[in-house]
């Protein structure tokens, strides 16, 4: 069994991150912006976002809101890794159509 990291298309090693031992935050997403009630721990620098339906998202502080027109789009059933900048401990979501669930997965 190989212990080498997988390579990207340029031949560079891809670091493999584990999942945060504190678990995943799940949010019910609807027509109004919602954000995680508990801040992402300060030692987490990357989160994986996943949603069961089309939605929009924003990262920021405890006042962040997602805009249904201008926020980045999160396609359903796709995992997206997003780096956190200083002060970004919250993720806000708003559904693009039908209500769905969104997940914030800390990576370590």
C-alpha atoms as a PDB file:
ATOM      1  CA  UNK A   1       0.000   0.000   0.000  1.00  0.00           C
ATOM      2  CA  UNK A   2       1.359   3.386  -1.030  1.00  0.00           C
ATOM      3  CA  UNK A   3       1.624   6.206   1.494  1.00  0.00           C
ATOM      4  CA  UNK A   4       2.265   8.868  -1.155  1.00  0.00           C
ATOM      5  CA  UNK A   5      -0.176  11.753  -1.478  1.00  0.00           C
ATOM      6  CA  UNK A   6      -2.349  11.896  -4.601  1.00  0.00           C
ATOM      7  CA  UNK A   7      -1.141  14.244  -7.352  1.00  0.00           C
ATOM      8  CA  UNK A   8      -3.008  17.051  -9.101  1.00  0.00           C
ATOM      9  CA  UNK A   9      -2.912  17.602 -12.880  1.00  0.00           C
ATOM     10  CA  UNK A  10       0.393  19.486 -12.537  1.00  0.00           C
ATOM     11  CA  UNK A  11       2.056  16.651 -10.635  1.00  0.00           C
ATOM     12  CA  UNK A  12       1.941  18.466  -7.276  1.00  0.00           C
ATOM     13  CA  UNK A  13       0.980  16.503  -4.138  1.00  0.00           C
ATOM     14  CA  UNK A  14      -2.529  17.163  -2.829  1.00  0.00           C
ATOM     15  CA  UNK A  15      -2.663  17.435   0.950  1.00  0.00           C
ATOM     16  CA  UNK A  16      -5.355  15.237   2.427  1.00  0.00           C
ATOM     17  CA  UNK A  17      -7.320  16.831   5.244  1.00  0.00           C
ATOM     18  CA  UNK A  18      -9.253  15.021   7.926  1.00  0.00           C
ATOM     19  CA  UNK A  19     -12.658  15.931   9.304  1.00  0.00           C
ATOM     20  CA  UNK A  20     -13.042  18.025  12.447  1.00  0.00           C
ATOM     21  CA  UNK A  21     -13.598  15.766  15.459  1.00  0.00           C
ATOM     22  CA  UNK A  22     -16.230  18.201  16.799  1.00  0.00           C
ATOM     23  CA  UNK A  23     -18.644  17.241  14.052  1.00  0.00           C
ATOM     24  CA  UNK A  24     -20.606  18.832  11.235  1.00  0.00           C
ATOM     25  CA  UNK A  25     -23.075  21.695  11.510  1.00  0.00           C
ATOM     26  CA  UNK A  26     -26.385  21.148   9.665  1.00  0.00           C
ATOM     27  CA  UNK A  27     -28.692  24.023   8.741  1.00  0.00           C
ATOM     28  CA  UNK A  28     -32.228  24.096   7.389  1.00  0.00           C
ATOM     29  CA  UNK A  29     -32.063  26.526   4.448  1.00  0.00           C
ATOM     30  CA  UNK A  30     -35.090  28.376   3.127  1.00  0.00           C
ATOM     31  CA  UNK A  31     -36.026  31.682   1.478  1.00  0.00           C
ATOM     32  CA  UNK A  32     -34.418  33.784   4.235  1.00  0.00           C
ATOM     33  CA  UNK A  33     -30.712  33.860   5.076  1.00  0.00           C
ATOM     34  CA  UNK A  34     -29.650  31.562   7.929  1.00  0.00           C
ATOM     35  CA  UNK A  35     -26.189  31.122   9.471  1.00  0.00           C
ATOM     36  CA  UNK A  36     -24.588  28.649  11.806  1.00  0.00           C
ATOM     37  CA  UNK A  37     -25.506  29.524  15.423  1.00  0.00           C
ATOM     38  CA  UNK A  38     -22.185  28.248  16.787  1.00  0.00           C
ATOM     39  CA  UNK A  39     -18.984  29.793  15.391  1.00  0.00           C
ATOM     40  CA  UNK A  40     -16.551  27.583  13.533  1.00  0.00           C
ATOM     41  CA  UNK A  41     -13.667  26.796  15.940  1.00  0.00           C
ATOM     42  CA  UNK A  42     -10.671  29.114  15.595  1.00  0.00           C
ATOM     43  CA  UNK A  43      -8.269  26.285  14.704  1.00  0.00           C
ATOM     44  CA  UNK A  44     -10.254  25.431  11.537  1.00  0.00           C
ATOM     45  CA  UNK A  45      -8.832  27.117   8.420  1.00  0.00           C
ATOM     46  CA  UNK A  46     -10.837  25.309   5.717  1.00  0.00           C
ATOM     47  CA  UNK A  47     -14.464  24.204   5.620  1.00  0.00           C
ATOM     48  CA  UNK A  48     -16.246  21.936   3.200  1.00  0.00           C
ATOM     49  CA  UNK A  49     -19.728  23.109   2.238  1.00  0.00           C
ATOM     50  CA  UNK A  50     -22.431  20.759   0.990  1.00  0.00           C
ATOM     51  CA  UNK A  51     -26.114  21.303   0.269  1.00  0.00           C
ATOM     52  CA  UNK A  52     -28.955  19.025  -0.779  1.00  0.00           C
ATOM     53  CA  UNK A  53     -30.485  21.726  -2.989  1.00  0.00           C
ATOM     54  CA  UNK A  54     -29.331  24.816  -4.905  1.00  0.00           C
ATOM     55  CA  UNK A  55     -28.461  27.694  -2.604  1.00  0.00           C
ATOM     56  CA  UNK A  56     -26.243  30.747  -2.150  1.00  0.00           C
ATOM     57  CA  UNK A  57     -23.686  31.268   0.625  1.00  0.00           C
ATOM     58  CA  UNK A  58     -21.469  33.900   2.267  1.00  0.00           C
ATOM     59  CA  UNK A  59     -18.690  33.666   4.853  1.00  0.00           C
ATOM     60  CA  UNK A  60     -18.146  36.264   7.544  1.00  0.00           C
ATOM     61  CA  UNK A  61     -18.700  37.240  11.161  1.00  0.00           C
ATOM     62  CA  UNK A  62     -21.780  36.791  13.359  1.00  0.00           C
ATOM     63  CA  UNK A  63     -23.761  39.260  11.216  1.00  0.00           C
ATOM     64  CA  UNK A  64     -23.125  37.707   7.790  1.00  0.00           C
ATOM     65  CA  UNK A  65     -26.109  37.164   5.498  1.00  0.00           C
ATOM     66  CA  UNK A  66     -26.411  35.429   2.143  1.00  0.00           C
ATOM     67  CA  UNK A  67     -27.961  37.336  -0.745  1.00  0.00           C
ATOM     68  CA  UNK A  68     -30.207  35.329  -3.088  1.00  0.00           C
ATOM     69  CA  UNK A  69     -28.947  37.281  -6.108  1.00  0.00           C
ATOM     70  CA  UNK A  70     -25.262  38.095  -5.570  1.00  0.00           C
ATOM     71  CA  UNK A  71     -23.798  35.524  -3.153  1.00  0.00           C
ATOM     72  CA  UNK A  72     -21.750  32.623  -4.552  1.00  0.00           C
ATOM     73  CA  UNK A  73     -23.801  29.704  -5.828  1.00  0.00           C
ATOM     74  CA  UNK A  74     -23.546  26.253  -4.240  1.00  0.00           C
ATOM     75  CA  UNK A  75     -24.779  23.509  -6.557  1.00  0.00           C
ATOM     76  CA  UNK A  76     -26.677  20.645  -4.952  1.00  0.00           C
ATOM     77  CA  UNK A  77     -24.840  17.474  -4.000  1.00  0.00           C
ATOM     78  CA  UNK A  78     -21.396  19.001  -4.627  1.00  0.00           C
ATOM     79  CA  UNK A  79     -18.670  19.329  -1.999  1.00  0.00           C
ATOM     80  CA  UNK A  80     -16.857  22.683  -2.077  1.00  0.00           C
ATOM     81  CA  UNK A  81     -13.750  23.425   0.010  1.00  0.00           C
ATOM     82  CA  UNK A  82     -13.513  27.060   1.104  1.00  0.00           C
ATOM     83  CA  UNK A  83     -10.633  28.685   3.021  1.00  0.00           C
ATOM     84  CA  UNK A  84     -11.549  30.885   5.982  1.00  0.00           C
ATOM     85  CA  UNK A  85     -10.004  34.350   6.215  1.00  0.00           C
ATOM     86  CA  UNK A  86      -9.416  36.114   9.542  1.00  0.00           C
ATOM     87  CA  UNK A  87     -12.727  36.841  11.257  1.00  0.00           C
ATOM     88  CA  UNK A  88     -14.713  34.388   9.137  1.00  0.00           C
ATOM     89  CA  UNK A  89     -16.326  31.993  11.601  1.00  0.00           C
ATOM     90  CA  UNK A  90     -19.851  31.878  10.194  1.00  0.00           C
ATOM     91  CA  UNK A  91     -21.443  30.712   6.946  1.00  0.00           C
ATOM     92  CA  UNK A  92     -24.815  32.045   5.823  1.00  0.00           C
ATOM     93  CA  UNK A  93     -27.039  30.243   3.311  1.00  0.00           C
ATOM     94  CA  UNK A  94     -30.216  31.101   1.423  1.00  0.00           C
ATOM     95  CA  UNK A  95     -32.126  28.663  -0.787  1.00  0.00           C
ATOM     96  CA  UNK A  96     -32.250  29.353  -4.502  1.00  0.00           C
ATOM     97  CA  UNK A  97     -35.517  27.446  -4.924  1.00  0.00           C
ATOM     98  CA  UNK A  98     -37.014  24.810  -2.624  1.00  0.00           C
ATOM     99  CA  UNK A  99     -35.885  24.493   1.018  1.00  0.00           C
ATOM    100  CA  UNK A 100     -32.886  22.225   1.548  1.00  0.00           C
ATOM    101  CA  UNK A 101     -30.251  21.262   4.095  1.00  0.00           C
ATOM    102  CA  UNK A 102     -26.716  22.666   4.141  1.00  0.00           C
ATOM    103  CA  UNK A 103     -23.717  21.253   5.954  1.00  0.00           C
ATOM    104  CA  UNK A 104     -20.575  22.974   7.237  1.00  0.00           C
ATOM    105  CA  UNK A 105     -17.765  20.471   7.684  1.00  0.00           C
ATOM    106  CA  UNK A 106     -14.587  21.633   9.429  1.00  0.00           C
ATOM    107  CA  UNK A 107     -11.352  20.267   7.957  1.00  0.00           C
ATOM    108  CA  UNK A 108      -8.166  19.646   9.931  1.00  0.00           C
END
